[in-house]
Amino acid sequence: MVVGAGAYAATNWSVALNAGSKGQAQSASVANLTISAIAVPAAVNQAYPGGYGDAVLTIHNTSTAPVTITAVSLPTSTTYAPGYSNSTLTTATACTSSVTWRFSTTTSGSSHTLTTPLIVGANSTLTVTLINDITMATTAPVTCTSNYFKMPSLTAVTATAGAGTPTASPTTDGWTA
């Protein structure tokens, strides 16, 4: 009994390519990132006068390629986060000049390297808790208790588009100087 057999024949005929034979390819699109404040998950470390707290945000990448973020640039140390009585950040409070990004300086755009690079997948959103990266002034008035804060916009990010395994969401990160 024959289970399987195959045969092929070779010829002396050869095949070549015509001049100008080619293919077509296309590069991925790259778009700016969108960073937004969110209330869930809630900040674990909450700010108090003279102390630090967490900031929770999402990073949305509409590019068709993953994006790796290695640093953020902060506004000045006198650009304050306004306080709100609700997590949707719609009802303002009297707490207006007590909370800033930690390690911000008097010069706008100071760059701070993240502890771990964040890779935001193509066409996806990454939720990040920045651990102890906000600070509350020791002079914060009592009107700042039980507030939510809309942190000032970052002035830039250091990021590149390209290969990489996306960071699992949600995650934690931050900077130390």
Protein backbone atom coordinates (compact mmCIF):
# COMPACT_ATOMS: atom_id res chain seq x y z
CA MET A 1 0.00 0.00 0.00
CA VAL A 2 1.34 3.41 -0.94
CA VAL A 3 0.60 6.06 1.69
CA GLY A 4 1.82 9.11 -0.17
CA ALA A 5 4.08 9.85 -3.02
CA GLY A 6 5.09 12.98 -4.75
CA ALA A 7 7.18 13.82 -7.69
CA TYR A 8 8.43 16.91 -9.33
CA ALA A 9 10.48 17.58 -12.36
CA ALA A 10 13.14 20.16 -12.94
CA THR A 11 13.66 21.77 -16.29
CA ASN A 12 16.44 23.67 -17.87
CA TRP A 13 14.24 26.71 -18.27
CA SER A 14 15.03 29.64 -15.95
CA VAL A 15 12.85 32.56 -14.99
CA ALA A 16 14.17 36.05 -14.24
CA LEU A 17 12.68 39.41 -13.19
CA ASN A 18 11.81 42.16 -15.61
CA ALA A 19 13.65 45.44 -15.09
CA GLY A 20 11.85 47.79 -12.72
CA SER A 21 10.03 45.06 -10.79
CA LYS A 22 9.08 46.41 -7.36
CA GLY A 23 6.57 46.39 -4.52
CA GLN A 24 4.86 49.09 -2.53
CA ALA A 25 4.87 49.74 1.22
CA GLN A 26 3.52 52.43 3.50
CA SER A 27 4.75 53.84 6.79
CA ALA A 28 2.59 54.12 9.89
CA SER A 29 0.96 57.42 10.77
CA VAL A 30 2.07 59.35 13.84
CA ALA A 31 -0.18 61.74 15.74
CA ASN A 32 0.18 63.80 18.90
CA LEU A 33 -0.72 62.14 22.18
CA THR A 34 -3.66 63.28 24.31
CA ILE A 35 -3.24 63.25 28.09
CA SER A 36 -6.34 63.58 30.27
CA ALA A 37 -7.12 63.63 33.99
CA ILE A 38 -9.26 60.76 35.29
CA ALA A 39 -10.77 59.81 38.65
CA VAL A 40 -10.57 56.01 38.38
CA PRO A 41 -8.45 54.44 39.64
CA ALA A 42 -8.32 56.86 42.57
CA ALA A 43 -5.00 58.27 43.74
CA VAL A 44 -3.59 56.12 46.54
CA ASN A 45 -1.29 58.80 47.97
CA GLN A 46 -3.33 61.93 48.63
CA ALA A 47 -1.67 65.31 49.04
CA TYR A 48 -1.55 67.25 52.32
CA PRO A 49 0.20 70.50 53.29
CA GLY A 50 3.93 70.01 52.80
CA GLY A 51 3.41 66.53 51.35
CA TYR A 52 3.15 64.74 48.04
CA GLY A 53 0.38 62.90 46.24
CA ASP A 54 -0.41 60.91 43.12
CA ALA A 55 -1.80 62.14 39.82
CA VAL A 56 -3.88 59.74 37.71
CA LEU A 57 -4.17 60.24 33.97
CA THR A 58 -4.72 58.56 30.63
CA ILE A 59 -2.48 58.79 27.61
CA HIS A 60 -4.30 58.25 24.31
CA ASN A 61 -2.31 57.31 21.22
CA THR A 62 -4.18 57.58 17.90
CA SER A 63 -1.10 56.64 15.88
CA THR A 64 -0.85 53.35 14.03
CA ALA A 65 2.48 52.71 15.74
CA PRO A 66 3.31 52.31 19.45
CA VAL A 67 4.83 55.35 21.18
CA THR A 68 7.50 55.21 23.90
CA ILE A 69 7.52 58.08 26.41
CA THR A 70 10.76 58.54 28.36
CA ALA A 71 10.31 61.98 29.95
CA VAL A 72 7.79 64.74 30.62
CA SER A 73 8.30 68.50 30.66
CA LEU A 74 6.54 70.50 33.35
CA PRO A 75 5.05 74.00 33.52
CA THR A 76 6.51 76.48 36.02
CA SER A 77 6.35 75.94 39.76
CA THR A 78 3.93 78.87 39.93
CA THR A 79 1.42 77.22 37.57
CA TYR A 80 -1.09 75.86 40.08
CA ALA A 81 -3.71 73.14 39.87
CA PRO A 82 -7.19 74.44 40.66
CA GLY A 83 -9.22 72.54 43.24
CA TYR A 84 -12.63 70.96 42.62
CA SER A 85 -15.19 69.45 44.97
CA ASN A 86 -16.02 66.59 42.59
CA SER A 87 -14.04 64.00 40.64
CA THR A 88 -15.49 65.17 37.33
CA LEU A 89 -13.61 68.45 37.86
CA THR A 90 -16.65 70.63 37.20
CA THR A 91 -17.30 72.40 40.54
CA ALA A 92 -14.40 74.69 41.48
CA THR A 93 -13.40 75.42 45.06
CA ALA A 94 -11.46 78.28 46.66
CA CYS A 95 -8.26 76.19 46.61
CA THR A 96 -6.43 77.79 43.69
CA SER A 97 -2.75 78.27 44.50
CA SER A 98 -1.44 75.39 46.56
CA VAL A 99 -0.81 72.35 44.31
CA THR A 100 1.86 72.00 41.61
CA TRP A 101 3.81 69.28 39.84
CA ARG A 102 6.64 68.01 42.05
CA PHE A 103 10.11 69.12 40.92
CA SER A 104 8.72 71.84 38.64
CA THR A 105 11.02 74.86 38.47
CA THR A 106 10.70 78.58 37.79
CA THR A 107 11.45 77.81 34.14
CA SER A 108 8.68 76.31 32.04
CA GLY A 109 9.62 73.12 30.21
CA SER A 110 11.94 71.50 32.74
CA SER A 111 12.34 67.89 31.62
CA HIS A 112 11.98 64.96 34.03
CA THR A 113 12.93 61.42 33.06
CA LEU A 114 10.37 58.76 33.91
CA THR A 115 11.47 55.95 36.21
CA THR A 116 10.39 53.44 33.55
CA PRO A 117 9.63 54.28 29.90
CA LEU A 118 5.92 54.03 29.09
CA ILE A 119 4.93 52.35 25.83
CA VAL A 120 1.45 53.29 24.62
CA GLY A 121 0.20 50.78 22.06
CA ALA A 122 -1.00 51.79 18.61
CA ASN A 123 -4.55 53.16 18.67
CA SER A 124 -4.85 52.60 22.41
CA THR A 125 -5.07 54.28 25.80
CA LEU A 126 -2.80 53.77 28.80
CA THR A 127 -3.91 54.64 32.35
CA VAL A 128 -1.02 55.81 34.54
CA THR A 129 -0.75 56.77 38.21
CA LEU A 130 2.21 59.11 38.70
CA ILE A 131 3.34 58.21 42.21
CA ASN A 132 4.01 61.19 44.54
CA ASP A 133 4.49 63.58 41.62
CA ILE A 134 2.29 66.40 42.92
CA THR A 135 3.11 68.59 45.88
CA MET A 136 0.94 70.74 48.14
CA ALA A 137 2.31 73.91 49.69
CA THR A 138 2.73 74.01 53.46
CA THR A 139 0.60 77.18 53.35
CA ALA A 140 -2.40 75.41 51.75
CA PRO A 141 -5.62 76.76 53.32
CA VAL A 142 -8.28 74.55 54.87
CA THR A 143 -10.37 75.06 51.69
CA CYS A 144 -7.98 72.59 50.02
CA THR A 145 -9.15 69.63 52.14
CA SER A 146 -11.01 66.83 50.31
CA ASN A 147 -10.36 68.45 46.92
CA TYR A 148 -9.67 66.96 43.51
CA PHE A 149 -7.08 68.80 41.45
CA LYS A 150 -6.86 69.39 37.73
CA MET A 151 -3.11 69.37 37.24
CA PRO A 152 -1.64 71.95 34.85
CA SER A 153 -0.93 70.72 31.34
CA LEU A 154 2.46 69.19 30.72
CA THR A 155 4.44 71.35 28.32
CA ALA A 156 5.91 68.43 26.32
CA VAL A 157 6.89 64.78 26.37
CA THR A 158 10.03 63.10 25.11
CA ALA A 159 8.68 60.31 22.96
CA THR A 160 9.47 58.20 19.92
CA ALA A 161 7.26 56.11 17.68
CA GLY A 162 8.29 52.58 16.84
CA ALA A 163 8.51 49.04 18.08
CA GLY A 164 7.88 47.93 21.60
CA THR A 165 5.57 45.88 23.76
CA PRO A 166 2.85 48.14 25.16
CA THR A 167 2.87 48.80 28.90
CA ALA A 168 0.02 46.97 30.65
CA SER A 169 -2.79 49.29 31.77
CA PRO A 170 -3.26 50.50 34.45
CA THR A 171 0.31 51.09 35.56
CA THR A 172 2.36 53.28 37.87
CA ASP A 173 5.35 55.45 37.09
CA GLY A 174 6.86 58.80 37.99
CA TRP A 175 10.04 60.80 38.18
CA THR A 176 12.41 61.36 41.07
CA ALA A 177 14.08 64.64 40.20
